[in-house]
N, C-alpha and C. Protein backbone atom coordinates (compact mmCIF):
# COMPACT_ATOMS: atom_id res chain seq x y z
N MET A 1 22.20 -37.95 21.36
CA MET A 1 22.14 -36.79 20.48
C MET A 1 23.15 -35.74 20.94
N TRP A 2 23.64 -34.98 20.00
CA TRP A 2 24.51 -33.84 20.26
C TRP A 2 23.69 -32.58 20.10
N PHE A 3 23.83 -31.63 21.03
CA PHE A 3 23.05 -30.40 21.01
C PHE A 3 23.96 -29.17 21.00
N VAL A 4 23.51 -28.15 20.27
CA VAL A 4 24.13 -26.83 20.33
C VAL A 4 22.98 -25.84 20.50
N GLU A 5 23.09 -24.98 21.49
CA GLU A 5 22.05 -23.97 21.71
C GLU A 5 22.71 -22.61 21.81
N VAL A 6 22.18 -21.65 21.05
CA VAL A 6 22.72 -20.30 21.05
C VAL A 6 21.63 -19.36 21.53
N MET A 7 21.90 -18.66 22.61
CA MET A 7 20.96 -17.69 23.17
C MET A 7 21.49 -16.29 22.90
N PRO A 8 20.79 -15.51 22.10
CA PRO A 8 21.28 -14.17 21.75
C PRO A 8 21.14 -13.19 22.90
N ARG A 9 22.00 -12.20 22.91
CA ARG A 9 21.87 -11.12 23.90
C ARG A 9 20.80 -10.13 23.48
N ASN A 10 20.61 -9.96 22.17
CA ASN A 10 19.57 -9.07 21.66
C ASN A 10 18.21 -9.73 21.91
N PRO A 11 17.34 -9.12 22.71
CA PRO A 11 16.05 -9.74 23.04
C PRO A 11 15.12 -9.89 21.84
N SER A 12 15.38 -9.20 20.74
CA SER A 12 14.51 -9.34 19.57
C SER A 12 15.00 -10.43 18.61
N ALA A 13 16.15 -11.05 18.92
CA ALA A 13 16.71 -12.09 18.06
C ALA A 13 16.14 -13.46 18.44
N ALA A 14 16.15 -14.38 17.50
CA ALA A 14 15.63 -15.73 17.71
C ALA A 14 16.69 -16.63 18.33
N MET A 15 16.30 -17.42 19.32
CA MET A 15 17.16 -18.44 19.87
C MET A 15 17.35 -19.52 18.80
N LEU A 16 18.53 -20.13 18.75
CA LEU A 16 18.83 -21.20 17.80
C LEU A 16 19.30 -22.42 18.55
N SER A 17 18.67 -23.55 18.28
CA SER A 17 19.08 -24.82 18.85
C SER A 17 19.17 -25.84 17.72
N VAL A 18 20.26 -26.61 17.71
CA VAL A 18 20.45 -27.66 16.70
C VAL A 18 20.83 -28.94 17.42
N ALA A 19 20.17 -30.03 17.07
CA ALA A 19 20.48 -31.33 17.64
C ALA A 19 20.76 -32.31 16.50
N PHE A 20 21.80 -33.12 16.67
CA PHE A 20 22.15 -34.15 15.70
C PHE A 20 21.92 -35.50 16.34
N ASP A 21 21.17 -36.36 15.66
CA ASP A 21 20.79 -37.65 16.25
C ASP A 21 21.89 -38.71 16.16
N GLY A 22 23.06 -38.37 15.60
CA GLY A 22 24.14 -39.32 15.49
C GLY A 22 24.04 -40.19 14.26
N ASP A 23 22.97 -40.03 13.48
CA ASP A 23 22.79 -40.83 12.28
C ASP A 23 22.74 -39.94 11.05
N ASP A 24 21.55 -39.35 10.76
CA ASP A 24 21.44 -38.52 9.55
C ASP A 24 20.40 -37.41 9.68
N LEU A 25 20.06 -37.01 10.90
CA LEU A 25 18.98 -36.06 11.13
C LEU A 25 19.43 -34.90 12.00
N LEU A 26 19.14 -33.66 11.52
CA LEU A 26 19.34 -32.46 12.32
C LEU A 26 17.98 -31.93 12.73
N ASN A 27 17.79 -31.66 14.02
CA ASN A 27 16.58 -31.02 14.53
C ASN A 27 16.93 -29.58 14.85
N PHE A 28 16.12 -28.65 14.34
CA PHE A 28 16.33 -27.23 14.58
C PHE A 28 15.16 -26.67 15.38
N VAL A 29 15.47 -25.73 16.28
CA VAL A 29 14.47 -24.85 16.87
C VAL A 29 15.00 -23.45 16.64
N VAL A 30 14.20 -22.64 15.94
CA VAL A 30 14.54 -21.25 15.66
C VAL A 30 13.38 -20.41 16.18
N GLY A 31 13.63 -19.65 17.25
CA GLY A 31 12.52 -18.94 17.89
C GLY A 31 11.53 -19.96 18.41
N ASN A 32 10.32 -19.94 17.89
CA ASN A 32 9.29 -20.91 18.27
C ASN A 32 9.07 -21.98 17.21
N ILE A 33 9.89 -22.00 16.17
CA ILE A 33 9.69 -22.90 15.04
C ILE A 33 10.57 -24.13 15.19
N TRP A 34 9.97 -25.32 15.08
CA TRP A 34 10.72 -26.58 15.11
C TRP A 34 10.65 -27.22 13.73
N PHE A 35 11.80 -27.72 13.24
CA PHE A 35 11.82 -28.42 11.96
C PHE A 35 13.04 -29.33 11.89
N GLU A 36 13.01 -30.26 10.93
CA GLU A 36 14.10 -31.21 10.73
C GLU A 36 14.74 -31.01 9.36
N VAL A 37 16.02 -31.32 9.27
CA VAL A 37 16.74 -31.34 8.00
C VAL A 37 17.40 -32.71 7.90
N PHE A 38 17.12 -33.43 6.81
CA PHE A 38 17.69 -34.75 6.61
C PHE A 38 17.62 -35.11 5.13
N PRO A 39 18.39 -36.05 4.66
CA PRO A 39 19.45 -36.75 5.38
C PRO A 39 20.74 -35.94 5.38
N VAL A 40 21.48 -36.04 6.46
CA VAL A 40 22.81 -35.44 6.56
C VAL A 40 23.78 -36.62 6.53
N GLU A 41 24.46 -36.76 5.40
CA GLU A 41 25.32 -37.93 5.21
C GLU A 41 26.79 -37.58 5.03
N SER A 42 27.09 -36.29 4.84
CA SER A 42 28.49 -35.89 4.65
C SER A 42 28.67 -34.46 5.14
N ALA A 43 29.91 -34.03 5.20
CA ALA A 43 30.21 -32.67 5.62
C ALA A 43 29.59 -31.65 4.67
N GLU A 44 29.51 -31.98 3.38
CA GLU A 44 28.91 -31.07 2.40
C GLU A 44 27.43 -30.82 2.70
N ASP A 45 26.76 -31.83 3.28
CA ASP A 45 25.34 -31.67 3.62
C ASP A 45 25.13 -30.65 4.73
N LEU A 46 26.18 -30.33 5.46
CA LEU A 46 26.07 -29.36 6.54
C LEU A 46 26.06 -27.92 6.04
N ALA A 47 26.29 -27.71 4.75
CA ALA A 47 26.28 -26.35 4.21
C ALA A 47 24.92 -25.70 4.41
N GLN A 48 23.84 -26.44 4.26
CA GLN A 48 22.51 -25.87 4.48
C GLN A 48 22.33 -25.47 5.94
N ALA A 49 22.83 -26.28 6.87
CA ALA A 49 22.75 -25.93 8.28
C ALA A 49 23.51 -24.64 8.57
N ALA A 50 24.66 -24.46 7.94
CA ALA A 50 25.44 -23.22 8.11
C ALA A 50 24.68 -22.04 7.53
N ASP A 51 24.01 -22.22 6.38
CA ASP A 51 23.21 -21.14 5.79
C ASP A 51 22.05 -20.76 6.69
N ILE A 52 21.41 -21.76 7.31
CA ILE A 52 20.30 -21.49 8.23
C ILE A 52 20.80 -20.70 9.43
N ALA A 53 21.91 -21.14 10.02
CA ALA A 53 22.47 -20.44 11.19
C ALA A 53 22.84 -19.00 10.84
N ARG A 54 23.47 -18.80 9.69
CA ARG A 54 23.85 -17.44 9.27
C ARG A 54 22.60 -16.55 9.14
N ALA A 55 21.54 -17.07 8.55
CA ALA A 55 20.31 -16.29 8.40
C ALA A 55 19.70 -15.95 9.76
N VAL A 56 19.73 -16.89 10.69
CA VAL A 56 19.20 -16.62 12.04
C VAL A 56 20.04 -15.54 12.71
N PHE A 57 21.36 -15.66 12.63
CA PHE A 57 22.25 -14.67 13.26
C PHE A 57 22.06 -13.29 12.67
N GLU A 58 21.70 -13.22 11.39
CA GLU A 58 21.50 -11.93 10.71
C GLU A 58 20.07 -11.41 10.83
N GLY A 59 19.19 -12.15 11.50
CA GLY A 59 17.82 -11.69 11.70
C GLY A 59 16.92 -11.89 10.49
N ARG A 60 17.20 -12.87 9.68
CA ARG A 60 16.39 -13.13 8.49
C ARG A 60 15.42 -14.27 8.74
N VAL A 61 14.59 -14.11 9.78
CA VAL A 61 13.61 -15.12 10.16
C VAL A 61 12.27 -14.43 10.41
N GLU A 62 11.23 -14.95 9.76
CA GLU A 62 9.86 -14.47 9.98
C GLU A 62 9.05 -15.64 10.50
N GLU A 63 8.17 -15.35 11.47
CA GLU A 63 7.41 -16.39 12.14
C GLU A 63 5.96 -15.98 12.24
N SER A 64 5.09 -16.96 12.18
CA SER A 64 3.67 -16.71 12.34
C SER A 64 3.08 -17.85 13.16
N GLY A 65 1.91 -17.62 13.69
CA GLY A 65 1.23 -18.61 14.53
C GLY A 65 0.95 -18.02 15.89
N PHE A 66 -0.13 -18.47 16.49
CA PHE A 66 -0.53 -17.91 17.78
C PHE A 66 0.15 -18.60 18.96
N ARG A 67 0.50 -19.88 18.80
CA ARG A 67 1.12 -20.64 19.89
C ARG A 67 2.38 -21.33 19.38
N ARG A 68 3.24 -21.72 20.30
CA ARG A 68 4.47 -22.43 19.93
C ARG A 68 4.15 -23.70 19.14
N GLU A 69 3.07 -24.39 19.52
CA GLU A 69 2.70 -25.63 18.86
C GLU A 69 2.29 -25.41 17.40
N ASP A 70 1.87 -24.20 17.06
CA ASP A 70 1.40 -23.89 15.71
C ASP A 70 2.40 -23.06 14.91
N ALA A 71 3.56 -22.78 15.49
CA ALA A 71 4.49 -21.84 14.84
C ALA A 71 4.97 -22.37 13.50
N PHE A 72 5.00 -21.50 12.56
CA PHE A 72 5.55 -21.78 11.24
C PHE A 72 6.20 -20.51 10.76
N GLY A 73 7.01 -20.61 9.76
CA GLY A 73 7.67 -19.40 9.30
C GLY A 73 8.51 -19.63 8.08
N ARG A 74 9.37 -18.68 7.86
CA ARG A 74 10.32 -18.81 6.76
C ARG A 74 11.64 -18.21 7.18
N ILE A 75 12.68 -18.86 6.70
CA ILE A 75 14.04 -18.40 6.92
C ILE A 75 14.52 -17.91 5.57
N LEU A 76 14.95 -16.65 5.54
CA LEU A 76 15.32 -16.02 4.28
C LEU A 76 16.79 -16.30 3.96
N LEU A 77 17.02 -17.43 3.28
CA LEU A 77 18.37 -17.84 2.89
C LEU A 77 18.82 -17.02 1.69
N ASP A 78 20.10 -17.03 1.41
CA ASP A 78 20.64 -16.27 0.28
C ASP A 78 20.01 -16.68 -1.05
N ASP A 79 19.68 -17.97 -1.19
CA ASP A 79 19.12 -18.44 -2.45
C ASP A 79 17.59 -18.58 -2.41
N GLY A 80 16.93 -17.90 -1.47
CA GLY A 80 15.47 -17.88 -1.43
C GLY A 80 14.92 -18.30 -0.08
N PRO A 81 13.63 -18.03 0.17
CA PRO A 81 13.04 -18.36 1.46
C PRO A 81 12.83 -19.87 1.63
N MET A 82 13.00 -20.32 2.85
CA MET A 82 12.79 -21.72 3.20
C MET A 82 11.61 -21.77 4.17
N GLY A 83 10.49 -22.37 3.76
CA GLY A 83 9.34 -22.50 4.63
C GLY A 83 9.56 -23.62 5.62
N VAL A 84 9.32 -23.34 6.90
CA VAL A 84 9.57 -24.33 7.96
C VAL A 84 8.47 -24.26 9.00
N GLY A 85 8.37 -25.32 9.80
CA GLY A 85 7.46 -25.32 10.92
C GLY A 85 6.35 -26.33 10.78
N ARG A 86 5.42 -26.24 11.70
CA ARG A 86 4.39 -27.26 11.83
C ARG A 86 3.29 -27.14 10.79
N ILE A 87 2.82 -25.94 10.55
CA ILE A 87 1.66 -25.75 9.68
C ILE A 87 2.05 -24.87 8.51
N HIS A 88 1.72 -25.31 7.33
CA HIS A 88 1.97 -24.51 6.13
C HIS A 88 0.62 -24.18 5.50
N VAL A 89 0.16 -22.97 5.72
CA VAL A 89 -1.12 -22.53 5.19
C VAL A 89 -0.86 -21.77 3.90
N PRO A 90 -1.62 -22.04 2.83
CA PRO A 90 -1.33 -21.40 1.54
C PRO A 90 -1.84 -19.96 1.44
N TRP A 91 -1.73 -19.18 2.50
CA TRP A 91 -2.12 -17.77 2.47
C TRP A 91 -0.92 -16.96 2.01
N PRO A 92 -1.18 -15.80 1.40
CA PRO A 92 -0.05 -14.89 1.14
C PRO A 92 0.63 -14.56 2.47
N TRP A 93 1.95 -14.43 2.45
CA TRP A 93 2.68 -14.28 3.71
C TRP A 93 2.18 -13.08 4.52
N LYS A 94 1.90 -11.97 3.90
CA LYS A 94 1.50 -10.77 4.65
C LYS A 94 0.13 -10.93 5.31
N ALA A 95 -0.69 -11.88 4.84
CA ALA A 95 -2.03 -12.08 5.41
C ALA A 95 -2.03 -13.06 6.57
N ARG A 96 -0.90 -13.61 6.93
CA ARG A 96 -0.85 -14.61 8.00
C ARG A 96 -1.04 -13.95 9.37
N PRO A 97 -1.63 -14.71 10.31
CA PRO A 97 -1.88 -14.14 11.64
C PRO A 97 -0.61 -14.03 12.48
N SER A 98 -0.56 -13.03 13.32
CA SER A 98 0.47 -12.89 14.34
C SER A 98 1.89 -13.02 13.77
N MET A 99 2.21 -12.21 12.78
CA MET A 99 3.52 -12.25 12.13
C MET A 99 4.57 -11.56 12.98
N ARG A 100 5.75 -12.16 13.05
CA ARG A 100 6.86 -11.59 13.81
C ARG A 100 8.13 -11.72 12.99
N ARG A 101 8.92 -10.68 12.98
CA ARG A 101 10.25 -10.75 12.32
C ARG A 101 11.30 -10.60 13.42
N TYR A 102 12.19 -11.56 13.48
CA TYR A 102 13.24 -11.54 14.50
C TYR A 102 14.37 -10.60 14.09
N GLY A 103 15.04 -10.06 15.09
CA GLY A 103 16.17 -9.17 14.86
C GLY A 103 17.47 -9.94 14.76
N PRO A 104 18.56 -9.25 14.39
CA PRO A 104 19.87 -9.89 14.28
C PRO A 104 20.51 -10.08 15.66
N TYR A 105 21.49 -10.96 15.74
CA TYR A 105 22.21 -11.16 16.98
C TYR A 105 23.05 -9.95 17.31
N SER A 106 23.56 -9.28 16.30
CA SER A 106 24.43 -8.13 16.50
C SER A 106 23.79 -6.88 15.91
N VAL A 107 23.80 -5.81 16.66
CA VAL A 107 23.28 -4.54 16.15
C VAL A 107 24.18 -4.04 15.01
N GLN A 108 25.48 -4.32 15.08
CA GLN A 108 26.40 -3.94 14.01
C GLN A 108 26.04 -4.64 12.72
N ALA A 109 25.65 -5.93 12.78
CA ALA A 109 25.27 -6.66 11.58
C ALA A 109 24.04 -6.02 10.93
N ALA A 110 23.11 -5.55 11.75
CA ALA A 110 21.91 -4.92 11.22
C ALA A 110 22.26 -3.62 10.51
N ALA A 111 23.21 -2.87 11.06
CA ALA A 111 23.60 -1.60 10.47
C ALA A 111 24.32 -1.80 9.12
N GLN A 112 25.01 -2.94 8.98
CA GLN A 112 25.75 -3.21 7.75
C GLN A 112 24.87 -3.73 6.63
N ARG A 113 23.67 -4.23 6.93
CA ARG A 113 22.77 -4.79 5.91
C ARG A 113 22.14 -3.74 5.07
């Protein structure tokens, strides 16, 4: 597998890790949320991965769950939220337990939003 891990300097930002299995699967860890994106069969399929990374860098990630094993959330992509993680409970988002919103990698990016 090939791995890329990005550790932000801003302590309120989410860590981003992406692993490619060499075939057609991307594994993501964003903050405490783990999820997969597949199939990745061409360079065009990587556009979604770039959109996910951009949203993480800009602080557009919300997470819920009490433990890492239960973490779930949403990544606010330009074309709408993407629900990710281990557990998807059909509660309204604001009613979910232990909600956290991650900050941007750059304070300048936050000021420009």
